[in-house]
Amino acid sequence: MLKLELQEVYGIGERMEQRLNRAGIFTVAELWDASPLRLRRVWGGINGVLFRQMLHGVDIQPRSSRFSKSIGNQHVLTQGTGLVLRVALADNKSPSER
């Protein structure tokens, strides 16, 4: 991974590469070794710290609760109904209004 070009790393495009270069970071190895504070300055906020954590393999997703926070309700549609519903929703009308 350390031999990749900066833009080969997910989340680094041309403009971010330019910002990294201005900060003296030209390789993925230098990015890997950069301190959280330095990357915070490059990104202009907490995203630099989060990016560094992801780069180092830290799972930054918040822990999910064992309790559901929402209730779902699903219905299986009969064949052919889906197209009518998609068209109706695209027109912002309910199927009964069509």
N, C-alpha and C. Protein backbone atom coordinates (compact mmCIF):
# COMPACT_ATOMS: atom_id res chain seq x y z
N MET A 1 0.82 -1.18 0.00
CA MET A 1 0.00 0.00 0.00
C MET A 1 0.87 1.26 0.00
N LEU A 2 1.98 1.21 0.67
CA LEU A 2 2.82 2.40 0.78
C LEU A 2 3.44 2.80 -0.55
N LYS A 3 3.40 1.92 -1.54
CA LYS A 3 3.97 2.23 -2.86
C LYS A 3 2.94 2.84 -3.81
N LEU A 4 1.70 2.96 -3.38
CA LEU A 4 0.66 3.56 -4.21
C LEU A 4 0.92 5.05 -4.41
N GLU A 5 0.38 5.58 -5.48
CA GLU A 5 0.37 7.03 -5.69
C GLU A 5 -0.70 7.61 -4.77
N LEU A 6 -0.56 8.85 -4.37
CA LEU A 6 -1.53 9.47 -3.46
C LEU A 6 -2.95 9.38 -4.01
N GLN A 7 -3.14 9.65 -5.30
CA GLN A 7 -4.49 9.64 -5.86
C GLN A 7 -5.06 8.24 -6.02
N GLU A 8 -4.25 7.22 -5.79
CA GLU A 8 -4.76 5.85 -5.81
C GLU A 8 -5.40 5.46 -4.48
N VAL A 9 -5.27 6.32 -3.48
CA VAL A 9 -5.88 6.09 -2.17
C VAL A 9 -7.29 6.70 -2.22
N TYR A 10 -8.27 5.90 -1.80
CA TYR A 10 -9.66 6.36 -1.80
C TYR A 10 -9.79 7.64 -0.99
N GLY A 11 -10.41 8.65 -1.57
CA GLY A 11 -10.64 9.91 -0.87
C GLY A 11 -9.63 10.99 -1.21
N ILE A 12 -8.61 10.66 -2.00
CA ILE A 12 -7.62 11.66 -2.38
C ILE A 12 -7.73 11.90 -3.88
N GLY A 13 -8.18 13.09 -4.22
CA GLY A 13 -8.27 13.49 -5.61
C GLY A 13 -7.16 14.49 -5.92
N GLU A 14 -7.28 15.11 -7.06
CA GLU A 14 -6.24 16.05 -7.52
C GLU A 14 -6.06 17.22 -6.55
N ARG A 15 -7.16 17.80 -6.11
CA ARG A 15 -7.05 18.97 -5.22
C ARG A 15 -6.48 18.59 -3.85
N MET A 16 -6.90 17.44 -3.31
CA MET A 16 -6.36 17.02 -2.02
C MET A 16 -4.88 16.69 -2.16
N GLU A 17 -4.50 16.10 -3.26
CA GLU A 17 -3.08 15.82 -3.48
C GLU A 17 -2.28 17.12 -3.49
N GLN A 18 -2.82 18.15 -4.11
CA GLN A 18 -2.14 19.45 -4.12
C GLN A 18 -2.00 20.00 -2.70
N ARG A 19 -3.05 19.86 -1.90
CA ARG A 19 -2.98 20.33 -0.51
C ARG A 19 -1.95 19.54 0.28
N LEU A 20 -1.91 18.23 0.07
CA LEU A 20 -0.92 17.39 0.75
C LEU A 20 0.49 17.79 0.32
N ASN A 21 0.68 18.02 -0.97
CA ASN A 21 1.99 18.44 -1.48
C ASN A 21 2.43 19.76 -0.86
N ARG A 22 1.50 20.71 -0.73
CA ARG A 22 1.85 21.99 -0.09
C ARG A 22 2.26 21.80 1.36
N ALA A 23 1.75 20.74 1.99
CA ALA A 23 2.10 20.44 3.37
C ALA A 23 3.35 19.56 3.47
N GLY A 24 3.97 19.27 2.32
CA GLY A 24 5.20 18.48 2.32
C GLY A 24 4.98 16.98 2.29
N ILE A 25 3.79 16.55 1.94
CA ILE A 25 3.47 15.12 1.84
C ILE A 25 3.34 14.77 0.36
N PHE A 26 4.24 13.90 -0.12
CA PHE A 26 4.29 13.57 -1.55
C PHE A 26 4.07 12.09 -1.81
N THR A 27 4.14 11.25 -0.78
CA THR A 27 3.99 9.81 -0.97
C THR A 27 3.01 9.26 0.07
N VAL A 28 2.50 8.06 -0.21
CA VAL A 28 1.62 7.42 0.75
C VAL A 28 2.38 7.09 2.03
N ALA A 29 3.66 6.77 1.91
CA ALA A 29 4.48 6.49 3.10
C ALA A 29 4.55 7.73 3.99
N GLU A 30 4.71 8.91 3.39
CA GLU A 30 4.73 10.15 4.18
C GLU A 30 3.36 10.43 4.79
N LEU A 31 2.30 10.12 4.04
CA LEU A 31 0.95 10.28 4.55
C LEU A 31 0.74 9.34 5.74
N TRP A 32 1.22 8.12 5.63
CA TRP A 32 1.10 7.13 6.70
C TRP A 32 1.78 7.61 7.98
N ASP A 33 2.94 8.23 7.82
CA ASP A 33 3.73 8.68 8.98
C ASP A 33 3.27 10.03 9.54
N ALA A 34 2.42 10.74 8.83
CA ALA A 34 2.00 12.08 9.28
C ALA A 34 1.21 12.00 10.58
N SER A 35 1.40 12.98 11.42
CA SER A 35 0.70 13.01 12.72
C SER A 35 -0.76 13.40 12.52
N PRO A 36 -1.61 13.02 13.47
CA PRO A 36 -3.01 13.45 13.39
C PRO A 36 -3.16 14.97 13.33
N LEU A 37 -2.36 15.69 14.08
CA LEU A 37 -2.43 17.15 14.07
C LEU A 37 -2.07 17.72 12.70
N ARG A 38 -1.05 17.16 12.09
CA ARG A 38 -0.64 17.63 10.76
C ARG A 38 -1.75 17.39 9.74
N LEU A 39 -2.35 16.21 9.77
CA LEU A 39 -3.42 15.92 8.81
C LEU A 39 -4.68 16.72 9.12
N ARG A 40 -4.90 17.01 10.37
CA ARG A 40 -6.03 17.87 10.73
C ARG A 40 -5.86 19.25 10.09
N ARG A 41 -4.63 19.74 10.09
CA ARG A 41 -4.36 21.04 9.46
C ARG A 41 -4.52 20.98 7.95
N VAL A 42 -4.06 19.89 7.33
CA VAL A 42 -4.17 19.75 5.87
C VAL A 42 -5.64 19.70 5.46
N TRP A 43 -6.44 18.88 6.17
CA TRP A 43 -7.85 18.74 5.83
C TRP A 43 -8.68 19.92 6.33
N GLY A 44 -8.15 20.66 7.27
CA GLY A 44 -8.89 21.79 7.80
C GLY A 44 -9.90 21.40 8.86
N GLY A 45 -9.70 20.27 9.51
CA GLY A 45 -10.62 19.85 10.56
C GLY A 45 -10.45 18.40 10.93
N ILE A 46 -11.45 17.88 11.59
CA ILE A 46 -11.42 16.52 12.14
C ILE A 46 -11.30 15.46 11.05
N ASN A 47 -11.71 15.77 9.82
CA ASN A 47 -11.63 14.78 8.75
C ASN A 47 -10.21 14.28 8.50
N GLY A 48 -9.22 15.11 8.75
CA GLY A 48 -7.84 14.66 8.62
C GLY A 48 -7.50 13.58 9.63
N VAL A 49 -7.98 13.74 10.84
CA VAL A 49 -7.76 12.74 11.88
C VAL A 49 -8.49 11.45 11.54
N LEU A 50 -9.74 11.58 11.09
CA LEU A 50 -10.53 10.41 10.71
C LEU A 50 -9.90 9.70 9.52
N PHE A 51 -9.39 10.46 8.54
CA PHE A 51 -8.75 9.85 7.39
C PHE A 51 -7.53 9.05 7.82
N ARG A 52 -6.74 9.61 8.74
CA ARG A 52 -5.55 8.91 9.23
C ARG A 52 -5.95 7.61 9.93
N GLN A 53 -7.00 7.67 10.73
CA GLN A 53 -7.46 6.46 11.42
C GLN A 53 -7.90 5.39 10.43
N MET A 54 -8.64 5.78 9.40
CA MET A 54 -9.06 4.81 8.38
C MET A 54 -7.85 4.24 7.65
N LEU A 55 -6.89 5.10 7.33
CA LEU A 55 -5.69 4.65 6.64
C LEU A 55 -4.94 3.60 7.47
N HIS A 56 -4.97 3.75 8.77
CA HIS A 56 -4.30 2.81 9.68
C HIS A 56 -5.19 1.63 10.08
N GLY A 57 -6.37 1.53 9.47
CA GLY A 57 -7.22 0.36 9.70
C GLY A 57 -8.15 0.45 10.88
N VAL A 58 -8.32 1.63 11.45
CA VAL A 58 -9.24 1.79 12.58
C VAL A 58 -10.66 1.90 12.03
N ASP A 59 -11.57 1.13 12.61
CA ASP A 59 -12.97 1.22 12.22
C ASP A 59 -13.57 2.44 12.90
N ILE A 60 -13.90 3.46 12.13
CA ILE A 60 -14.38 4.71 12.71
C ILE A 60 -15.91 4.79 12.76
N GLN A 61 -16.59 3.71 12.36
CA GLN A 61 -18.05 3.71 12.41
C GLN A 61 -18.50 3.68 13.86
N PRO A 62 -19.54 4.45 14.18
CA PRO A 62 -20.03 4.41 15.56
C PRO A 62 -20.59 3.02 15.88
N ARG A 63 -20.43 2.63 17.12
CA ARG A 63 -20.96 1.33 17.53
C ARG A 63 -22.48 1.36 17.43
N SER A 64 -23.03 0.28 16.90
CA SER A 64 -24.48 0.23 16.78
C SER A 64 -25.09 -0.27 18.08
N SER A 65 -26.24 0.22 18.35
CA SER A 65 -26.96 -0.17 19.55
C SER A 65 -27.58 -1.54 19.34
N ARG A 66 -27.74 -2.30 20.40
CA ARG A 66 -28.40 -3.60 20.26
C ARG A 66 -29.91 -3.42 20.15
N PHE A 67 -30.38 -2.21 20.36
CA PHE A 67 -31.80 -1.92 20.23
C PHE A 67 -32.05 -1.22 18.91
N SER A 68 -33.09 -1.62 18.23
CA SER A 68 -33.44 -1.01 16.96
C SER A 68 -33.94 0.41 17.19
N LYS A 69 -33.51 1.32 16.32
CA LYS A 69 -33.94 2.71 16.45
C LYS A 69 -35.05 3.05 15.46
N SER A 70 -35.41 2.09 14.63
CA SER A 70 -36.49 2.32 13.69
C SER A 70 -37.26 1.02 13.47
N ILE A 71 -38.44 1.16 12.95
CA ILE A 71 -39.28 0.00 12.66
C ILE A 71 -39.55 0.01 11.17
N GLY A 72 -39.33 -1.10 10.52
CA GLY A 72 -39.57 -1.19 9.08
C GLY A 72 -40.88 -1.90 8.80
N ASN A 73 -41.43 -1.64 7.64
CA ASN A 73 -42.64 -2.29 7.20
C ASN A 73 -42.49 -2.55 5.71
N GLN A 74 -42.42 -3.81 5.31
CA GLN A 74 -42.18 -4.15 3.91
C GLN A 74 -43.35 -4.94 3.36
N HIS A 75 -43.58 -4.80 2.07
CA HIS A 75 -44.63 -5.54 1.37
C HIS A 75 -44.03 -6.10 0.09
N VAL A 76 -44.41 -7.31 -0.25
CA VAL A 76 -44.00 -7.90 -1.51
C VAL A 76 -45.09 -7.57 -2.52
N LEU A 77 -44.68 -6.95 -3.63
CA LEU A 77 -45.64 -6.55 -4.65
C LEU A 77 -45.81 -7.67 -5.66
N THR A 78 -46.99 -7.75 -6.24
CA THR A 78 -47.21 -8.74 -7.29
C THR A 78 -46.47 -8.29 -8.54
N GLN A 79 -46.21 -9.21 -9.42
CA GLN A 79 -45.44 -8.91 -10.63
C GLN A 79 -46.14 -7.84 -11.45
N GLY A 80 -45.37 -6.85 -11.90
CA GLY A 80 -45.89 -5.77 -12.72
C GLY A 80 -46.29 -4.54 -11.93
N THR A 81 -46.51 -4.66 -10.65
CA THR A 81 -46.94 -3.53 -9.82
C THR A 81 -45.81 -2.53 -9.63
N GLY A 82 -44.58 -3.02 -9.57
CA GLY A 82 -43.43 -2.15 -9.30
C GLY A 82 -43.29 -1.04 -10.31
N LEU A 83 -43.52 -1.33 -11.59
CA LEU A 83 -43.39 -0.31 -12.62
C LEU A 83 -44.42 0.80 -12.42
N VAL A 84 -45.65 0.42 -12.10
CA VAL A 84 -46.71 1.42 -11.87
C VAL A 84 -46.34 2.29 -10.68
N LEU A 85 -45.82 1.67 -9.61
CA LEU A 85 -45.44 2.44 -8.43
C LEU A 85 -44.28 3.38 -8.73
N ARG A 86 -43.30 2.93 -9.48
CA ARG A 86 -42.15 3.79 -9.81
C ARG A 86 -42.60 4.99 -10.64
N VAL A 87 -43.45 4.75 -11.62
CA VAL A 87 -43.94 5.85 -12.45
C VAL A 87 -44.77 6.81 -11.60
N ALA A 88 -45.62 6.26 -10.74
CA ALA A 88 -46.46 7.11 -9.89
C ALA A 88 -45.60 7.93 -8.94
N LEU A 89 -44.59 7.33 -8.35
CA LEU A 89 -43.73 8.06 -7.45
C LEU A 89 -42.93 9.12 -8.19
N ALA A 90 -42.54 8.81 -9.41
CA ALA A 90 -41.78 9.78 -10.20
C ALA A 90 -42.65 11.00 -10.51
N ASP A 91 -43.93 10.78 -10.70
CA ASP A 91 -44.85 11.88 -10.95
C ASP A 91 -45.34 12.52 -9.66
N ASN A 92 -44.88 12.00 -8.53
CA ASN A 92 -45.25 12.50 -7.20
C ASN A 92 -46.75 12.32 -6.95
N LYS A 93 -47.31 11.23 -7.46
CA LYS A 93 -48.71 10.92 -7.24
C LYS A 93 -48.81 9.50 -6.68
N SER A 94 -49.84 9.25 -5.92
CA SER A 94 -50.06 7.90 -5.44
C SER A 94 -50.64 7.06 -6.58
N PRO A 95 -50.50 5.73 -6.54
CA PRO A 95 -51.03 4.91 -7.61
C PRO A 95 -52.54 5.07 -7.80
N SER A 96 -53.29 5.36 -6.74
CA SER A 96 -54.73 5.54 -6.87
C SER A 96 -55.09 6.83 -7.61
N GLU A 97 -54.16 7.80 -7.64
CA GLU A 97 -54.43 9.07 -8.34
C GLU A 97 -54.16 8.97 -9.83
N ARG A 98 -53.52 7.89 -10.25
CA ARG A 98 -53.17 7.76 -11.68
C ARG A 98 -54.32 7.27 -12.48
